[in-house]
Structure formats: structure tokens, C-alpha cells
Protein backbone atom coordinates (compact mmCIF):
# COMPACT_ATOMS: atom_id res chain seq x y z
CA MET A 1 74.90 67.25 -76.78
CA SER A 2 77.63 64.61 -76.78
CA GLN A 3 79.86 66.54 -79.25
CA TRP A 4 81.04 69.02 -76.59
CA LEU A 5 81.92 66.08 -74.31
CA GLU A 6 84.05 64.51 -77.04
CA ASP A 7 85.89 67.81 -77.57
CA LEU A 8 87.04 67.91 -73.93
CA SER A 9 90.60 66.95 -73.01
CA THR A 10 91.37 64.27 -70.42
CA LEU A 11 92.00 66.88 -67.76
CA GLN A 12 88.74 68.65 -68.54
CA VAL A 13 86.80 65.38 -68.32
CA LEU A 14 88.42 64.61 -64.96
CA LEU A 15 87.57 68.08 -63.71
CA LEU A 16 83.99 67.72 -64.93
CA ILE A 17 83.63 64.35 -63.17
CA GLY A 18 85.18 65.80 -60.02
CA GLY A 19 82.82 68.79 -60.14
CA VAL A 20 79.77 66.58 -60.58
CA LEU A 21 80.89 64.35 -57.69
CA VAL A 22 81.56 67.25 -55.36
CA GLY A 23 78.29 68.91 -56.36
CA GLY A 24 76.37 65.68 -55.82
CA SER A 25 78.03 65.14 -52.46
CA LEU A 26 77.16 68.65 -51.33
CA LEU A 27 73.58 68.31 -52.53
CA ALA A 28 73.17 64.94 -50.80
CA ALA A 29 74.65 66.33 -47.58
CA LEU A 30 72.37 69.38 -47.66
CA VAL A 31 69.21 67.35 -48.38
CA GLY A 32 70.16 64.86 -45.67
CA ALA A 33 70.85 67.62 -43.13
CA VAL A 34 67.56 69.37 -43.90
CA LEU A 35 65.57 66.15 -43.59
CA VAL A 36 67.27 65.17 -40.34
CA ARG A 37 66.63 68.64 -38.96
CA LEU A 38 62.96 68.27 -39.85
CA GLY A 39 62.90 65.09 -37.76
CA MET A 40 62.95 62.62 -40.62
CA ARG A 41 65.43 59.86 -41.23
CA ARG A 42 67.95 60.37 -43.94
CA PRO A 43 66.47 58.86 -47.10
CA TRP A 44 68.09 55.75 -48.51
CA VAL A 45 68.65 57.44 -51.89
CA VAL A 46 70.48 60.38 -50.33
CA ASP A 47 72.60 58.08 -48.17
CA ARG A 48 73.46 55.88 -51.15
CA ALA A 49 74.29 58.90 -53.35
CA SER A 50 76.56 60.27 -50.68
CA ARG A 51 78.44 56.98 -50.25
CA LEU A 52 78.71 56.51 -54.02
CA SER A 53 80.04 60.02 -54.58
CA PHE A 54 82.69 59.55 -51.86
CA ARG A 55 83.74 56.24 -53.42
CA LEU A 56 83.99 57.84 -56.88
CA LEU A 57 85.89 60.77 -55.42
CA GLY A 58 88.37 58.30 -53.94
CA LEU A 59 88.86 56.76 -57.39
CA VAL A 60 89.43 60.10 -59.13
CA LYS A 61 91.59 61.68 -56.42
CA ARG A 62 94.92 59.99 -57.21
CA PRO A 63 94.84 60.34 -61.04
CA LEU A 64 93.81 63.97 -60.66
CA THR A 65 96.68 64.61 -58.24
CA ILE A 66 99.16 63.04 -60.68
CA VAL A 67 97.84 65.17 -63.56
CA VAL A 68 98.21 68.32 -61.45
CA LEU A 69 101.75 67.34 -60.44
CA ASP A 70 102.65 66.76 -64.11
CA GLU A 71 101.39 70.25 -64.90
CA VAL A 72 103.34 71.75 -61.98
CA ALA A 73 106.52 69.97 -63.13
CA ALA A 74 106.10 71.37 -66.65
CA VAL A 75 105.63 74.89 -65.30
CA ILE A 76 108.61 74.63 -62.95
CA GLN A 77 110.91 73.56 -65.78
CA THR A 78 110.16 76.77 -67.68
CA GLY A 79 111.14 79.13 -64.84
CA HIS A 80 114.42 80.88 -64.10
CA TYR A 81 114.19 81.00 -60.33
CA THR A 82 117.82 81.69 -59.45
CA LYS A 83 117.84 84.55 -61.96
CA ASN A 84 114.83 86.00 -60.15
CA ILE A 85 116.67 85.77 -56.82
CA SER A 86 119.72 87.40 -58.41
CA ASP A 87 117.56 90.25 -59.75
CA ALA A 88 116.02 90.75 -56.31
CA LEU A 89 119.49 90.92 -54.75
CA LEU A 90 120.53 93.51 -57.32
CA GLU A 91 117.41 95.58 -56.66
CA ASN A 92 118.12 95.61 -52.92
CA HIS A 93 121.93 95.76 -53.13
CA ASP A 94 122.46 98.89 -51.04
CA GLU A 95 119.99 97.82 -48.35
CA LEU A 96 121.59 94.36 -48.11
CA LYS A 97 125.08 95.82 -47.84
CA SER A 98 124.05 98.13 -45.00
CA LEU A 99 122.11 95.29 -43.34
CA VAL A 100 125.18 93.02 -43.39
CA ALA A 101 127.36 95.81 -41.98
CA GLU A 102 124.80 96.51 -39.25
CA LYS A 103 124.55 92.84 -38.25
CA VAL A 104 128.33 92.40 -38.23
CA ARG A 105 128.72 95.49 -36.01
CA ALA A 106 126.05 94.15 -33.65
CA ASP A 107 127.59 90.67 -33.48
CA PRO A 108 128.99 90.08 -29.98
CA ASN A 109 131.86 87.97 -31.37
CA ALA A 110 133.15 90.91 -33.43
CA ARG A 111 133.63 93.36 -30.54
CA LEU A 112 137.40 92.93 -30.34
CA VAL A 113 137.90 92.98 -34.12
CA SER A 114 135.69 96.05 -34.49
CA LYS A 115 138.32 98.12 -32.64
CA LEU A 116 140.86 97.61 -35.44
CA PRO A 117 141.51 100.56 -37.77
CA GLY A 118 139.76 100.21 -41.13
CA TYR A 119 137.19 97.78 -39.73
CA ASP A 120 134.24 99.47 -41.49
CA ALA A 121 136.09 99.45 -44.83
CA ILE A 122 136.90 95.74 -44.45
CA VAL A 123 133.29 94.87 -43.59
CA GLY A 124 132.06 96.95 -46.53
CA GLU A 125 134.44 95.29 -48.99
CA VAL A 126 133.72 91.78 -47.72
CA SER A 127 129.96 92.43 -47.90
CA GLU A 128 130.32 93.80 -51.43
CA THR A 129 132.42 90.82 -52.53
CA VAL A 130 130.03 88.26 -51.05
CA LEU A 131 127.01 89.92 -52.69
CA ARG A 132 128.81 90.16 -56.05
CA VAL A 133 129.84 86.49 -55.98
CA LEU A 134 126.35 85.40 -54.86
CA ILE A 135 124.67 87.44 -57.60
CA ASP A 136 127.08 86.05 -60.22
CA MET A 137 126.45 82.49 -59.06
CA LEU A 138 122.67 82.93 -59.10
CA SER A 139 122.80 84.53 -62.56
CA ASP A 140 124.71 81.58 -63.99
CA PRO A 141 122.51 79.20 -66.07
CA ARG A 142 124.16 76.21 -64.36
CA MET A 143 122.62 77.28 -61.05
CA ASP A 144 119.22 77.55 -62.73
CA GLU A 145 119.71 74.02 -64.07
CA LEU A 146 120.62 72.80 -60.58
CA VAL A 147 117.47 74.25 -59.01
CA SER A 148 115.28 72.94 -61.87
CA ASP A 149 116.78 69.46 -61.41
CA LEU A 150 116.19 69.59 -57.67
CA LEU A 151 112.56 70.59 -58.10
CA ARG A 152 111.95 68.10 -60.92
CA ASN A 153 113.48 65.22 -58.97
CA ASN A 154 111.41 66.06 -55.89
CA LEU A 155 108.23 66.22 -57.97
CA GLU A 156 109.03 62.86 -59.57
CA GLN A 157 109.49 61.36 -56.12
CA ILE A 158 106.17 62.83 -54.98
CA LYS A 159 104.37 61.47 -58.08
CA LEU A 160 105.80 57.98 -57.50
CA ALA A 161 104.72 58.10 -53.86
CA VAL A 162 101.18 59.10 -54.91
CA ARG A 163 101.03 56.35 -57.57
CA ASP A 164 102.36 53.69 -55.19
CA ARG A 165 100.31 55.00 -52.25
CA ALA A 166 103.53 55.07 -50.22
CA HIS A 167 102.28 58.02 -48.21
CA GLU A 168 99.21 56.21 -46.86
CA GLY A 169 101.13 53.99 -44.44
CA ALA A 170 103.76 56.54 -43.50
CA ALA A 171 104.15 57.72 -39.94
CA PRO A 172 103.15 61.31 -39.24
CA MET A 173 105.89 63.87 -39.73
CA LYS A 174 108.04 64.60 -36.73
CA PRO A 175 108.20 68.20 -35.59
CA ALA A 176 111.26 70.20 -36.55
CA ASP A 177 114.31 69.89 -34.33
CA PRO A 178 114.61 72.74 -31.85
CA ILE A 179 117.17 75.44 -32.52
CA PRO A 180 120.11 74.91 -30.15
CA ALA A 181 120.96 77.78 -27.84
CA SER A 182 124.45 77.96 -29.34
CA ALA A 183 123.15 78.55 -32.88
CA PRO A 184 123.96 81.95 -34.38
CA VAL A 185 120.40 83.25 -34.65
CA ASP A 186 118.84 86.54 -33.73
CA ARG A 187 118.51 86.82 -29.96
CA ALA A 188 114.92 88.03 -30.32
CA ARG A 189 113.92 84.69 -31.91
CA ARG A 190 115.37 82.62 -29.04
CA SER A 191 112.91 83.89 -26.47
């Protein structure tokens, strides 16, 4: 019986403990709710089991979060995310080029310039050049390294905050700043 427990990894043991605690909490809550509904007081054993399971869950929560974040960091370091973005841009190249041309034509600031001869050719060439440079940049391994470093550093900061409990005393997040009326966004989003 104990041999299978010894063969489990640390993560599996933590998950097993977490599963037992959650299962015990649910069972204690259900038994307590049924007994209260029947007009009885919640039994001392059920109340004690519920409090104990919540206390144990509080002890396991932080180490389990750190283990999960370590796993996420390892997975993130194996990916090639900018290459995936570059591939998506290549797949949708023609649609993006026509979308850029459409948006430039619809831009109210380009009305005067749009009257110049060769305007469509200029917009097409600029769109093509921007897409080509963007795809080349995203295909470069240095860009992949940059994104991996950004993600890894953010995950390290999150893990340290969880370990140090820095997030427990933090003020709630402020809502995002409103988009100013002068910002170049789609007019449909402003209303």
C-alpha cells in the first residue's frame, strides 16, 4: 500500500494532498448543509474537519502555486512565440495588406494626400515594406530571446511575490486609464 505513495513525485504528492483536502472540505460542507436543512445543528466533527481542511489548504496553496509557476516558466522557455506570430502574418499577408490600404484610405487625415497621383501604389509599397520588415524581425531568433526573457523575468517576479506574500497587502488594481478622445482608434470603439 505504501509503495505507490513512495513512487509519487513531489508534485503528485502535493496534488494528492490537495485533492484529499478539497474532497474532505466538500464532503464536510455537504454533510453540514444536509444536517442544517434537516433542522439539526452542524456536528462538531464536521465543523472541525471543515476548519482543518481550510487551514491545510492555506498551507498547501502557496507551494503548489510556486510549483505550477515553475512548470509554466519551463514550458514558456521552450516556445518560439515570435516565430508563431511571424508565421501567422505570412499566412494572412494578402488580407493584412488590403486591410492596411483600406484603413489608410479611410483615415480622415489622409484625405488631402490621397488625391496625389500614385497614392495607391505608395500605400501598397509602404504596407508591403512594413509587413516584410515586421515578419523578418519576428522571425529573428533574437526577438524570440527577447520575448522569452520578458516572460521569464515576469514569472520570476510573480514567484517572488507569491513566496514573500507581497500581493496580500497590495492595494486593489486601479482600472485602466480611459482612452483619450484624441487617440487614433476606430471611431466605432469611442462610442
